């Protein structure tokens, strides 16, 4: 009888292997515009491996941002991400391409570190 319990326990453990929770890591940075910081707006990071886990953060007056993922707290999913920058209506006008994941061309890799820091550079729009 003990061998059956061992077999069942082994099968159960094998079925759970690889079913780990996604890992999120602190991510912050700066948005640069022209000669200085972009003073308002929002940054979003979309993980390539799990596009539904979009992290976002408001851009402060000094251009800095800190990202969090809804339902998971502070940080961004480990791995390659696409980013967008959405300018505030009252702020400087940046190119609309930065607001679309398919055209922004802002790609970053979030690593397993205490802090990931990225500088996003955007240009003036029409």
Protein backbone atom coordinates (compact mmCIF):
# COMPACT_ATOMS: atom_id res chain seq x y z
CA UNK A 1 0.00 0.00 0.00
CA UNK A 2 2.79 2.56 0.75
CA UNK A 3 4.14 2.23 -2.81
CA UNK A 4 0.76 3.41 -4.18
CA UNK A 5 0.85 6.50 -1.99
CA UNK A 6 4.40 7.16 -3.16
CA UNK A 7 3.37 6.79 -6.81
CA UNK A 8 0.36 9.07 -6.39
CA UNK A 9 2.48 11.69 -4.60
CA UNK A 10 5.11 11.47 -7.34
CA UNK A 11 2.50 11.97 -10.08
CA UNK A 12 1.01 14.91 -8.21
CA UNK A 13 4.39 16.60 -7.82
CA UNK A 14 5.25 15.96 -11.47
CA UNK A 15 1.99 17.55 -12.59
CA UNK A 16 2.74 20.66 -10.55
CA UNK A 17 6.24 21.07 -11.95
CA UNK A 18 6.39 24.09 -14.22
CA UNK A 19 3.21 25.61 -12.76
CA UNK A 20 4.92 28.45 -10.97
CA UNK A 21 3.53 31.91 -10.38
CA UNK A 22 4.74 34.62 -12.77
CA UNK A 23 7.61 36.71 -11.40
CA UNK A 24 7.38 40.51 -11.27
CA UNK A 25 10.32 42.84 -10.69
CA UNK A 26 10.50 46.52 -9.69
CA UNK A 27 10.70 48.73 -12.76
CA UNK A 28 11.09 52.47 -13.00
CA UNK A 29 12.69 54.99 -15.27
CA UNK A 30 12.65 58.34 -17.01
CA UNK A 31 10.95 59.64 -20.15
CA UNK A 32 13.08 62.12 -22.08
CA UNK A 33 11.57 64.57 -24.53
CA UNK A 34 13.63 66.99 -26.63
CA UNK A 35 16.16 68.54 -24.21
CA UNK A 36 14.51 67.52 -20.96
CA UNK A 37 11.96 65.29 -19.24
CA UNK A 38 8.41 64.66 -20.46
CA UNK A 39 6.50 66.27 -17.56
CA UNK A 40 3.22 64.30 -17.69
CA UNK A 41 1.50 61.26 -19.15
CA UNK A 42 1.65 57.51 -18.71
CA UNK A 43 4.06 54.66 -19.49
CA UNK A 44 2.87 51.10 -20.16
CA UNK A 45 4.93 47.92 -20.51
CA UNK A 46 3.36 44.88 -22.22
CA UNK A 47 5.19 41.57 -21.72
CA UNK A 48 5.73 39.68 -24.98
CA UNK A 49 5.09 36.34 -23.26
CA UNK A 50 1.85 37.44 -21.53
CA UNK A 51 0.38 40.49 -23.35
CA UNK A 52 -2.58 40.66 -20.96
CA UNK A 53 -0.36 41.59 -17.99
CA UNK A 54 0.23 45.25 -18.91
CA UNK A 55 2.03 47.30 -16.27
CA UNK A 56 1.54 51.06 -16.12
CA UNK A 57 2.62 54.14 -14.25
CA UNK A 58 2.06 57.89 -14.30
CA UNK A 59 4.87 60.16 -15.46
CA UNK A 60 5.86 62.68 -12.77
CA UNK A 61 6.82 66.31 -13.48
CA UNK A 62 10.50 65.34 -13.50
CA UNK A 63 9.84 62.66 -16.17
CA UNK A 64 10.20 59.73 -13.77
CA UNK A 65 7.81 56.77 -13.56
CA UNK A 66 7.31 53.62 -11.52
CA UNK A 67 5.35 50.68 -12.96
CA UNK A 68 2.85 48.32 -11.37
CA UNK A 69 0.73 45.50 -12.76
CA UNK A 70 -2.98 45.34 -11.79
CA UNK A 71 -3.64 42.33 -9.59
CA UNK A 72 0.08 41.74 -8.99
CA UNK A 73 1.31 44.97 -7.39
CA UNK A 74 4.54 46.79 -8.02
CA UNK A 75 6.68 45.67 -10.92
CA UNK A 76 6.63 44.18 -14.41
CA UNK A 77 6.63 40.55 -15.54
CA UNK A 78 10.11 39.12 -16.07
CA UNK A 79 11.21 39.07 -19.72
CA UNK A 80 10.94 41.03 -22.95
CA UNK A 81 8.42 43.87 -23.06
CA UNK A 82 7.08 46.41 -25.51
CA UNK A 83 6.49 49.90 -24.15
CA UNK A 84 4.30 52.87 -25.03
CA UNK A 85 4.25 56.45 -23.83
CA UNK A 86 0.94 58.29 -23.73
CA UNK A 87 1.37 62.04 -23.36
CA UNK A 88 -1.00 64.06 -21.20
CA UNK A 89 -3.45 66.21 -23.17
CA UNK A 90 -2.14 69.31 -21.42
CA UNK A 91 1.54 68.44 -21.94
CA UNK A 92 3.93 68.58 -24.89
CA UNK A 93 2.73 66.92 -28.08
CA UNK A 94 4.76 63.81 -28.86
CA UNK A 95 4.49 61.69 -32.00
CA UNK A 96 1.31 59.54 -31.86
CA UNK A 97 3.39 56.49 -32.81
CA UNK A 98 4.58 56.25 -29.18
CA UNK A 99 1.03 55.52 -27.97
CA UNK A 100 0.70 52.28 -29.99
CA UNK A 101 2.56 49.05 -29.14
CA UNK A 102 2.81 48.16 -32.84
CA UNK A 103 4.55 51.42 -33.83
CA UNK A 104 6.31 52.75 -30.70
CA UNK A 105 9.47 50.65 -31.26
CA UNK A 106 10.30 50.83 -27.53
CA UNK A 107 11.51 47.39 -26.43
CA UNK A 108 13.06 46.48 -23.08
CA UNK A 109 13.98 43.39 -21.07
CA UNK A 110 12.95 43.23 -17.41
CA UNK A 111 15.49 41.20 -15.48
CA UNK A 112 15.50 39.40 -12.12
CA UNK A 113 17.04 42.33 -10.22
CA UNK A 114 16.17 44.51 -7.26
CA UNK A 115 15.48 47.34 -9.72
CA UNK A 116 15.13 47.69 -13.48
CA UNK A 117 15.73 51.25 -14.71
CA UNK A 118 14.98 52.32 -18.28
CA UNK A 119 15.25 55.61 -20.17
CA UNK A 120 12.58 56.09 -22.83
CA UNK A 121 13.25 58.75 -25.46
CA UNK A 122 10.38 60.27 -27.41
CA UNK A 123 10.21 62.96 -30.10
CA UNK A 124 7.86 65.75 -31.00
CA UNK A 125 4.70 64.91 -32.90
CA UNK A 126 2.74 66.71 -35.58
